[in-house]
């Protein structure tokens, strides 16, 4: 049997394109906050937990009835109707908050690309207006080409930014070494939020597994894909922090613009890196926000009821899934055309517009706290959706069949993840809603390295 088939490669490619995104920008910043040892431990731990959680959801799907197709379907099959609504709520929170992060970053990028024009708040609003027509498309399907373009945009932005940073910061002056961070429990644990957001594979595994000709091979696909992504995360982290130490910004792109690190980068390189990342943001915004719009239309307008009924129309305790009868086929047809009823699309368009406006308003409010916002979203919604729930589903269905070592690992992983999710959500939430003023350019460093770049030998000699 082949180690990797063509279908495996397609599934691997699809997962990579969806997962590899804006979370990569915070990788060097994780090392700036937590240092080499703790940041590496955190990265390895999160890689192991996310790979395990991905395999968990895949194995649960393998024993589930055929009508269990989505993460929320799994939630209902495992924990009943409360399980569905917990999963739906977590997924909606994730698919609403991540676009807000994208708007904040997009506004900053446009401010850099077009200096002396609009303020970042205006750019965020204009970005929301530009993306609104995409969000008003009745059904938005993520094509392989579109997802690939977004992932390639992120990859190129990372490569260009790292090249500019290393090229301008090397060779290091003699008798100078990169400064280490001042370690605090809050800074070390906050790394959890960024890493949780960076992975975020749980929600897309069900759809990818449904398309695979041999679903039983998906655990291997998940291990290989997330293992590759974890390796790239490590490379980006070490490369970015190796020449700057604790003075690496929380966003890699911020390291190559401005004068905080004592160099002026090539404008051409900055434009290329920022344009490639903006490409990713423009593609990702609508794709990520669409599930929450779908759920909101169900809750507020009563649309898509048929889809929810179709998902739960079968008794999950049955050993075989009955075929759809003529009535259910009619219901399915109605689901495929939910906006055909008079006035339904107009109501949906108004609701979607309100959601985009709210995202824009929240993004403007938190526009100066990108790193905290990134960590907050990762620690709260993403960790719940992509780690806590998948492991919980797996333990519920397989606990009696697991060996003692796996029981211990799964239980410990779940407890540690829950603790970190709660703690980091509270910690970063305080920074978001009650920020403390700071004049430090490099807040993760010791006081003597917080204002001036460490290569400024004139300053440190005096």
Protein backbone atom coordinates (compact mmCIF):
# COMPACT_ATOMS: atom_id res chain seq x y z
CA UNK A 1 0.00 0.00 0.00
CA UNK A 2 1.36 3.40 -1.03
CA UNK A 3 2.40 5.73 1.78
CA UNK A 4 0.78 8.69 0.02
CA UNK A 5 -1.75 8.45 -2.82
CA UNK A 6 -2.89 11.15 -5.24
CA UNK A 7 -6.05 11.67 -3.19
CA UNK A 8 -3.91 11.99 -0.07
CA UNK A 9 -1.86 14.67 -1.77
CA UNK A 10 -4.99 16.56 -2.86
CA UNK A 11 -6.37 16.45 0.69
CA UNK A 12 -2.99 17.52 2.08
CA UNK A 13 -2.83 20.43 -0.38
CA UNK A 14 -6.36 21.56 0.47
CA UNK A 15 -5.67 21.47 4.20
CA UNK A 16 -2.38 23.32 3.82
CA UNK A 17 -4.01 26.07 1.76
CA UNK A 18 -6.71 26.64 4.38
CA UNK A 19 -4.54 26.42 7.51
CA UNK A 20 -1.42 28.30 6.41
CA UNK A 21 -2.34 31.94 6.90
CA UNK A 22 -2.07 35.05 9.01
CA UNK A 23 -1.01 33.13 12.13
CA UNK A 24 2.50 32.74 10.66
CA UNK A 25 3.17 36.44 11.20
CA UNK A 26 3.22 36.02 14.97
CA UNK A 27 5.67 33.08 15.05
CA UNK A 28 8.91 35.07 15.61
CA UNK A 29 7.04 37.22 18.14
CA UNK A 30 6.27 34.09 20.15
CA UNK A 31 10.00 33.57 20.62
CA UNK A 32 10.43 37.26 21.45
CA UNK A 33 8.00 36.81 24.33
CA UNK A 34 8.84 33.36 25.61
CA UNK A 35 12.49 32.81 24.63
CA UNK A 36 13.93 29.88 22.70
CA UNK A 37 13.27 27.16 25.27
CA UNK A 38 9.69 27.95 26.31
CA UNK A 39 8.58 29.02 22.82
CA UNK A 40 9.91 25.77 21.35
CA UNK A 41 8.17 23.75 24.06
CA UNK A 42 4.95 25.65 23.31
CA UNK A 43 5.27 25.07 19.57
CA UNK A 44 5.94 21.34 19.95
CA UNK A 45 3.12 21.01 22.49
CA UNK A 46 0.62 22.83 20.27
CA UNK A 47 1.71 20.89 17.21
CA UNK A 48 1.15 17.61 19.08
CA UNK A 49 -2.24 18.70 20.46
CA UNK A 50 -3.51 20.01 17.12
CA UNK A 51 -2.34 16.95 15.22
CA UNK A 52 -3.96 14.72 17.83
CA UNK A 53 -7.20 16.74 17.79
CA UNK A 54 -7.30 16.52 14.00
CA UNK A 55 -6.84 12.76 14.10
CA UNK A 56 -9.53 12.57 16.80
CA UNK A 57 -12.18 14.27 14.67
CA UNK A 58 -11.19 12.12 11.70
CA UNK A 59 -11.58 8.88 13.66
CA UNK A 60 -14.95 9.98 15.05
CA UNK A 61 -16.15 10.70 11.50
CA UNK A 62 -15.03 7.25 10.39
CA UNK A 63 -17.49 5.54 12.75
CA UNK A 64 -20.29 8.09 12.38
CA UNK A 65 -23.37 7.57 10.19
CA UNK A 66 -23.09 8.87 6.64
CA UNK A 67 -25.38 11.82 7.31
CA UNK A 68 -22.90 13.23 9.85
CA UNK A 69 -21.02 15.62 7.61
CA UNK A 70 -19.99 18.70 9.61
CA UNK A 71 -18.44 19.46 12.96
CA UNK A 72 -21.84 20.52 14.32
CA UNK A 73 -23.32 17.23 13.07
CA UNK A 74 -20.64 15.44 15.06
CA UNK A 75 -21.50 17.55 18.09
CA UNK A 76 -25.14 16.46 17.93
CA UNK A 77 -24.30 12.83 17.26
CA UNK A 78 -21.99 12.71 20.28
CA UNK A 79 -23.70 15.01 22.81
CA UNK A 80 -27.22 15.52 21.42
CA UNK A 81 -28.77 18.90 20.60
CA UNK A 82 -26.68 20.74 23.24
CA UNK A 83 -23.57 19.40 21.49
CA UNK A 84 -24.74 20.86 18.18
CA UNK A 85 -25.40 24.30 19.62
CA UNK A 86 -22.14 24.44 21.56
CA UNK A 87 -20.27 23.53 18.38
CA UNK A 88 -22.27 25.98 16.25
CA UNK A 89 -21.69 28.79 18.76
CA UNK A 90 -17.95 28.16 18.92
CA UNK A 91 -17.69 27.92 15.13
CA UNK A 92 -19.69 31.12 14.67
CA UNK A 93 -17.50 32.96 17.16
CA UNK A 94 -14.38 31.78 15.37
CA UNK A 95 -15.64 32.64 11.88
CA UNK A 96 -16.69 36.10 13.06
CA UNK A 97 -13.65 37.09 15.12
CA UNK A 98 -10.97 35.95 12.68
CA UNK A 99 -12.25 38.31 9.92
CA UNK A 100 -11.98 41.16 12.45
CA UNK A 101 -8.29 40.28 12.86
CA UNK A 102 -7.94 40.30 9.07
CA UNK A 103 -9.52 43.76 8.83
CA UNK A 104 -7.13 45.17 11.45
CA UNK A 105 -4.11 43.79 9.62
CA UNK A 106 -5.51 44.83 6.24
CA UNK A 107 -5.99 48.42 7.39
CA UNK A 108 -2.40 48.56 8.66
CA UNK A 109 -1.07 47.12 5.39
CA UNK A 110 -2.96 49.66 3.29
CA UNK A 111 -1.69 52.49 5.48
CA UNK A 112 1.89 51.38 4.78
CA UNK A 113 1.28 50.81 1.07
CA UNK A 114 -0.28 54.26 0.67
CA UNK A 115 1.49 56.59 3.11
CA UNK A 116 0.25 60.15 3.60
CA UNK A 117 -3.24 59.16 2.46
CA UNK A 118 -5.99 57.85 4.75
CA UNK A 119 -5.70 56.88 8.40
CA UNK A 120 -5.84 53.19 9.25
CA UNK A 121 -9.44 53.53 10.51
CA UNK A 122 -10.51 54.83 7.11
CA UNK A 123 -8.67 52.04 5.33
CA UNK A 124 -10.40 49.44 7.50
CA UNK A 125 -13.79 50.95 6.60
CA UNK A 126 -12.89 51.08 2.90
CA UNK A 127 -11.71 47.49 3.04
CA UNK A 128 -15.04 46.46 4.55
CA UNK A 129 -16.92 48.31 1.79
CA UNK A 130 -14.78 46.67 -0.90
CA UNK A 131 -15.38 43.19 0.55
CA UNK A 132 -19.12 43.66 1.09
CA UNK A 133 -20.12 42.65 -2.49
CA UNK A 134 -18.26 39.35 -2.06
CA UNK A 135 -20.07 38.74 1.23
CA UNK A 136 -23.43 39.36 -0.47
CA UNK A 137 -22.95 36.52 -2.94
CA UNK A 138 -25.66 33.99 -1.95
CA UNK A 139 -23.38 30.98 -1.82
CA UNK A 140 -19.63 31.27 -1.56
CA UNK A 141 -17.64 28.14 -2.32
CA UNK A 142 -13.93 27.90 -1.68
CA UNK A 143 -12.28 26.81 -4.93
CA UNK A 144 -8.90 25.08 -4.84
CA UNK A 145 -7.35 27.85 -6.94
CA UNK A 146 -8.63 30.58 -4.63
CA UNK A 147 -7.39 28.84 -1.49
CA UNK A 148 -4.03 28.13 -3.12
CA UNK A 149 -3.62 31.79 -4.08
CA UNK A 150 -4.22 32.83 -0.48
CA UNK A 151 -1.69 30.34 0.89
CA UNK A 152 0.92 31.26 -1.72
CA UNK A 153 0.39 34.93 -0.88
CA UNK A 154 1.12 34.24 2.79
CA UNK A 155 4.15 32.08 1.99
CA UNK A 156 5.68 34.73 -0.30
CA UNK A 157 4.98 37.50 2.22
CA UNK A 158 6.77 35.47 4.94
CA UNK A 159 9.76 34.72 2.71
CA UNK A 160 10.20 38.32 1.57
CA UNK A 161 9.80 39.74 5.08
CA UNK A 162 12.30 37.27 6.56
CA UNK A 163 14.81 37.95 3.78
CA UNK A 164 14.57 41.72 4.30
CA UNK A 165 14.89 41.37 8.08
CA UNK A 166 17.92 39.04 7.99
CA UNK A 167 19.61 40.95 5.16
CA UNK A 168 19.37 44.27 7.01
CA UNK A 169 20.28 42.97 10.48
CA UNK A 170 23.36 40.93 9.47
CA UNK A 171 26.25 40.79 9.92
CA UNK A 172 25.93 41.72 13.57
CA UNK A 173 28.39 44.24 15.02
CA UNK A 174 31.22 42.74 17.03
CA UNK A 175 30.66 42.23 20.75
CA UNK A 176 26.90 42.38 20.25
CA UNK A 177 24.45 39.57 20.96
CA UNK A 178 20.70 39.39 20.60
CA UNK A 179 18.85 40.29 23.82
CA UNK A 180 16.69 37.74 25.60
CA UNK A 181 13.16 38.43 26.83
CA UNK A 182 12.14 38.99 30.42
CA UNK A 183 10.07 35.89 31.06
CA UNK A 184 6.69 36.22 32.75
CA UNK A 185 3.93 33.66 33.11
CA UNK A 186 1.55 35.89 31.14
CA UNK A 187 3.91 36.37 28.20
CA UNK A 188 4.80 32.68 27.99
CA UNK A 189 1.20 31.46 28.12
CA UNK A 190 0.01 34.14 25.66
CA UNK A 191 1.95 32.22 23.00
CA UNK A 192 -0.89 29.67 23.23
CA UNK A 193 -3.36 32.10 21.64
CA UNK A 194 -1.28 32.82 18.56
CA UNK A 195 -0.45 29.15 18.02
CA UNK A 196 -4.09 28.11 18.44
CA UNK A 197 -5.14 30.59 15.74
CA UNK A 198 -2.26 29.58 13.48
CA UNK A 199 -3.39 25.95 13.29
CA UNK A 200 -7.21 26.06 13.28
CA UNK A 201 -7.65 22.92 11.16
CA UNK A 202 -10.55 21.29 13.00
CA UNK A 203 -13.39 22.96 11.16
CA UNK A 204 -12.22 22.00 7.66
CA UNK A 205 -11.24 18.36 8.31
CA UNK A 206 -14.83 17.01 7.95
CA UNK A 207 -15.34 18.54 4.50
CA UNK A 208 -11.93 17.37 3.27
CA UNK A 209 -12.53 13.86 4.61
CA UNK A 210 -15.91 13.69 2.85
CA UNK A 211 -14.17 14.32 -0.49
CA UNK A 212 -11.49 11.68 0.06
CA UNK A 213 -12.00 8.39 -1.80
CA UNK A 214 -10.50 6.47 1.15
CA UNK A 215 -11.47 8.36 4.34
CA UNK A 216 -9.57 5.85 6.49
CA UNK A 217 -6.33 7.39 5.17
CA UNK A 218 -7.16 10.86 6.53
CA UNK A 219 -5.34 10.47 9.89
CA UNK A 220 -2.09 10.02 7.94
CA UNK A 221 -2.90 13.06 5.81
CA UNK A 222 -3.53 15.14 8.92
CA UNK A 223 -0.25 14.08 10.56
CA UNK A 224 1.80 14.81 7.43
CA UNK A 225 0.11 18.14 6.65
CA UNK A 226 0.18 19.59 10.15
CA UNK A 227 3.68 18.20 10.65
CA UNK A 228 4.84 20.09 7.53
CA UNK A 229 3.11 23.27 8.69
CA UNK A 230 4.67 22.93 12.15
CA UNK A 231 8.11 22.62 10.54
CA UNK A 232 7.50 25.81 8.57
CA UNK A 233 6.33 27.55 11.76
CA UNK A 234 9.60 26.56 13.45
CA UNK A 235 11.71 27.77 10.50
CA UNK A 236 9.90 31.12 10.40
CA UNK A 237 10.23 31.53 14.16
CA UNK A 238 13.96 30.76 14.39
CA UNK A 239 14.84 32.76 11.29
CA UNK A 240 12.96 35.82 12.49
CA UNK A 241 14.21 35.79 16.07
CA UNK A 242 17.82 34.77 15.38
CA UNK A 243 19.00 38.27 14.42
CA UNK A 244 16.66 40.39 16.54
CA UNK A 245 15.96 38.48 19.75
CA UNK A 246 13.25 39.88 21.99
CA UNK A 247 13.01 42.99 19.80
CA UNK A 248 11.06 41.15 17.07
CA UNK A 249 7.58 42.72 16.81
CA UNK A 250 4.48 40.62 17.39
CA UNK A 251 3.79 40.92 13.66
CA UNK A 252 6.60 39.93 11.27
CA UNK A 253 5.55 42.54 8.72
CA UNK A 254 6.04 45.31 11.27
CA UNK A 255 9.71 44.30 11.55
CA UNK A 256 10.51 45.55 8.04
CA UNK A 257 8.69 48.87 8.08
CA UNK A 258 9.37 51.91 10.21
CA UNK A 259 12.69 52.67 11.91
CA UNK A 260 12.46 50.85 15.25
CA UNK A 261 15.11 48.28 14.31
CA UNK A 262 17.49 50.92 12.95
CA UNK A 263 17.30 50.20 9.23
CA UNK A 264 15.27 51.42 6.28
CA UNK A 265 14.20 48.50 4.13
CA UNK A 266 13.86 48.59 0.38
CA UNK A 267 10.49 50.09 -0.46
CA UNK A 268 10.07 47.57 -3.28
CA UNK A 269 10.47 44.64 -0.89
CA UNK A 270 8.04 46.13 1.62
CA UNK A 271 5.43 46.70 -1.10
CA UNK A 272 5.76 43.13 -2.39
CA UNK A 273 5.51 41.54 1.07
CA UNK A 274 2.52 43.68 2.04
CA UNK A 275 0.73 43.15 -1.29
CA UNK A 276 1.07 39.37 -1.02
CA UNK A 277 -0.33 39.41 2.50
CA UNK A 278 -3.16 41.74 1.44
CA UNK A 279 -3.99 39.20 -1.28
CA UNK A 280 -4.37 36.53 1.39
CA UNK A 281 -6.56 38.80 3.54
CA UNK A 282 -8.90 39.70 0.69
CA UNK A 283 -9.37 36.03 -0.20
CA UNK A 284 -9.70 34.79 3.37
CA UNK A 285 -12.17 37.38 4.69
CA UNK A 286 -15.31 36.25 2.89
CA UNK A 287 -14.41 32.55 3.03
CA UNK A 288 -14.00 32.62 6.80
CA UNK A 289 -16.98 34.91 7.51
CA UNK A 290 -19.44 32.96 5.35
CA UNK A 291 -20.23 30.16 7.87
CA UNK A 292 -21.20 32.70 10.52
CA UNK A 293 -23.45 34.50 8.02
CA UNK A 294 -25.09 31.18 7.20
CA UNK A 295 -25.67 30.45 10.90
CA UNK A 296 -26.96 33.99 11.55
CA UNK A 297 -29.49 33.62 8.72
CA UNK A 298 -30.68 30.41 10.30
CA UNK A 299 -31.05 31.94 13.77
CA UNK A 300 -32.39 35.39 12.85
CA UNK A 301 -34.28 34.84 9.60
CA UNK A 302 -35.23 31.19 9.86
CA UNK A 303 -33.47 30.30 6.60
CA UNK A 304 -31.66 26.99 6.04
CA UNK A 305 -33.96 25.16 8.48
CA UNK A 306 -34.09 22.32 5.99
CA UNK A 307 -30.34 21.91 6.18
CA UNK A 308 -30.44 21.52 9.95
CA UNK A 309 -33.40 19.14 9.71
CA UNK A 310 -31.68 17.17 6.99
CA UNK A 311 -28.61 16.77 9.17
CA UNK A 312 -30.64 15.48 12.10
CA UNK A 313 -33.46 13.69 10.28
CA UNK A 314 -31.89 10.29 10.84
CA UNK A 315 -31.89 8.46 14.14
CA UNK A 316 -28.20 8.48 14.98
CA UNK A 317 -28.60 5.25 16.95
CA UNK A 318 -29.49 3.31 13.80
CA UNK A 319 -26.78 1.04 12.45
CA UNK A 320 -27.59 2.02 8.87
CA UNK A 321 -28.50 5.41 7.48
CA UNK A 322 -31.83 5.26 5.59
CA UNK A 323 -31.95 6.72 2.10
CA UNK A 324 -33.69 10.02 1.47
CA UNK A 325 -37.28 9.60 0.40
CA UNK A 326 -39.06 11.86 -2.06
CA UNK A 327 -40.05 14.29 0.69
CA UNK A 328 -36.47 14.71 1.85
CA UNK A 329 -35.31 15.13 -1.73
CA UNK A 330 -37.77 17.99 -2.01
CA UNK A 331 -36.42 19.46 1.23
CA UNK A 332 -32.89 19.14 -0.14
CA UNK A 333 -33.94 21.04 -3.27
CA UNK A 334 -35.37 23.79 -1.06
CA UNK A 335 -32.07 23.96 0.82
CA UNK A 336 -30.16 24.47 -2.40
CA UNK A 337 -32.36 27.50 -3.20
CA UNK A 338 -32.96 29.15 0.19
CA UNK A 339 -33.05 32.68 -1.26
CA UNK A 340 -35.75 32.05 -3.89
CA UNK A 341 -38.61 32.96 -1.59
CA UNK A 342 -39.86 36.56 -2.05
CA UNK A 343 -37.88 38.97 0.10
CA UNK A 344 -35.59 36.32 1.62
CA UNK A 345 -32.44 37.44 -0.20
CA UNK A 346 -33.06 41.11 0.66
CA UNK A 347 -33.38 40.22 4.37
CA UNK A 348 -30.22 38.11 4.16
CA UNK A 349 -28.35 40.93 2.41
CA UNK A 350 -29.33 43.40 5.14
CA UNK A 351 -28.27 40.95 7.87
CA UNK A 352 -24.94 40.27 6.16
CA UNK A 353 -24.32 43.99 5.73
CA UNK A 354 -24.95 44.55 9.43
CA UNK A 355 -22.47 41.78 10.27
CA UNK A 356 -19.77 43.28 8.05
CA UNK A 357 -20.38 46.73 9.56
CA UNK A 358 -20.04 45.30 13.08
CA UNK A 359 -16.77 43.61 12.09
CA UNK A 360 -15.49 46.94 10.74
CA UNK A 361 -16.49 48.85 13.89
CA UNK A 362 -14.85 46.30 16.22
CA UNK A 363 -11.72 46.25 14.03
CA UNK A 364 -11.45 50.05 14.26
CA UNK A 365 -11.84 49.94 18.05
CA UNK A 366 -9.01 47.41 18.46
CA UNK A 367 -6.85 48.53 15.50
CA UNK A 368 -3.84 49.36 17.70
CA UNK A 369 -3.81 46.02 19.51
CA UNK A 370 -3.28 43.51 16.72
CA UNK A 371 -1.18 41.05 18.75
CA UNK A 372 -3.57 41.01 21.70
CA UNK A 373 -6.54 40.59 19.36
CA UNK A 374 -4.78 37.71 17.58
CA UNK A 375 -4.08 35.93 20.88
CA UNK A 376 -7.59 36.56 22.23
CA UNK A 377 -9.29 35.05 19.19
CA UNK A 378 -6.95 32.06 19.17
CA UNK A 379 -7.30 31.36 22.88
CA UNK A 380 -11.08 31.66 22.94
CA UNK A 381 -12.92 30.59 19.79
CA UNK A 382 -10.23 28.73 17.84
CA UNK A 383 -9.00 26.57 20.71
CA UNK A 384 -12.58 25.59 21.56
CA UNK A 385 -13.49 24.70 17.99
CA UNK A 386 -10.30 23.01 16.85
CA UNK A 387 -8.88 21.38 19.99
CA UNK A 388 -11.22 21.12 22.97
CA UNK A 389 -14.34 19.91 21.13
CA UNK A 390 -12.61 17.35 18.83
CA UNK A 391 -10.80 15.72 21.77
CA UNK A 392 -14.02 15.73 23.81
CA UNK A 393 -15.92 14.01 20.98
CA UNK A 394 -13.19 11.40 20.67
CA UNK A 395 -13.05 10.62 24.37
CA UNK A 396 -16.84 10.27 24.52
CA UNK A 397 -16.91 7.73 21.68
CA UNK A 398 -13.63 5.85 22.19
CA UNK A 399 -12.76 6.13 25.89
CA UNK A 400 -13.51 2.48 26.76
CA UNK A 401 -11.43 1.28 23.80
CA UNK A 402 -8.32 3.36 24.49
CA UNK A 403 -5.18 2.11 26.19
CA UNK A 404 -4.11 3.69 29.47
CA UNK A 405 -1.27 5.80 27.94
CA UNK A 406 -3.62 7.39 25.39
CA UNK A 407 -6.30 7.97 28.03
CA UNK A 408 -3.76 9.82 30.15
CA UNK A 409 -2.44 11.85 27.20
CA UNK A 410 -5.89 12.78 25.88
CA UNK A 411 -7.23 13.73 29.31
CA UNK A 412 -4.12 15.74 30.17
CA UNK A 413 -4.19 17.47 26.77
CA UNK A 414 -7.82 18.40 27.28
CA UNK A 415 -7.27 19.75 30.80
CA UNK A 416 -4.17 21.76 29.90
CA UNK A 417 -5.84 23.18 26.78
CA UNK A 418 -8.93 24.19 28.75
CA UNK A 419 -6.80 25.88 31.42
CA UNK A 420 -4.71 27.78 28.87
CA UNK A 421 -7.76 28.76 26.85
CA UNK A 422 -9.47 30.27 29.89
CA UNK A 423 -6.35 31.92 31.31
CA UNK A 424 -5.09 33.42 28.02
CA UNK A 425 -8.58 34.60 27.07
CA UNK A 426 -8.79 36.50 30.37
CA UNK A 427 -5.17 37.73 30.17
CA UNK A 428 -5.42 39.04 26.61
CA UNK A 429 -8.98 40.24 27.21
CA UNK A 430 -7.68 42.57 29.92
CA UNK A 431 -5.07 43.89 27.50
CA UNK A 432 -7.76 44.46 24.89
CA UNK A 433 -10.43 46.11 27.01
CA UNK A 434 -8.19 47.80 29.58
CA UNK A 435 -4.85 48.43 27.87
CA UNK A 436 -1.99 49.90 29.89
CA UNK A 437 -0.16 52.79 28.19
CA UNK A 438 3.44 52.01 27.25
CA UNK A 439 6.24 53.93 25.56
CA UNK A 440 8.41 50.86 25.05
CA UNK A 441 9.32 50.01 21.47
CA UNK A 442 10.27 46.48 22.56
CA UNK A 443 8.04 45.59 25.53
CA UNK A 444 9.22 41.97 25.90
CA UNK A 445 12.83 42.96 26.64
CA UNK A 446 14.62 44.08 29.78
CA UNK A 447 14.25 47.83 30.50
CA UNK A 448 17.63 48.71 28.96
CA UNK A 449 16.53 47.19 25.63
CA UNK A 450 12.96 48.50 25.51
CA UNK A 451 13.64 51.81 23.72
CA UNK A 452 16.74 51.43 21.54
CA UNK A 453 17.65 48.63 19.16
CA UNK A 454 20.39 46.46 20.64
CA UNK A 455 22.79 47.09 17.72
CA UNK A 456 23.00 50.81 18.61
CA UNK A 457 26.55 50.63 20.01
CA UNK A 458 26.76 54.40 20.45
CA UNK A 459 23.81 54.45 22.82
CA UNK A 460 24.90 51.44 24.87
CA UNK A 461 28.52 52.64 25.08
CA UNK A 462 27.35 55.86 26.65
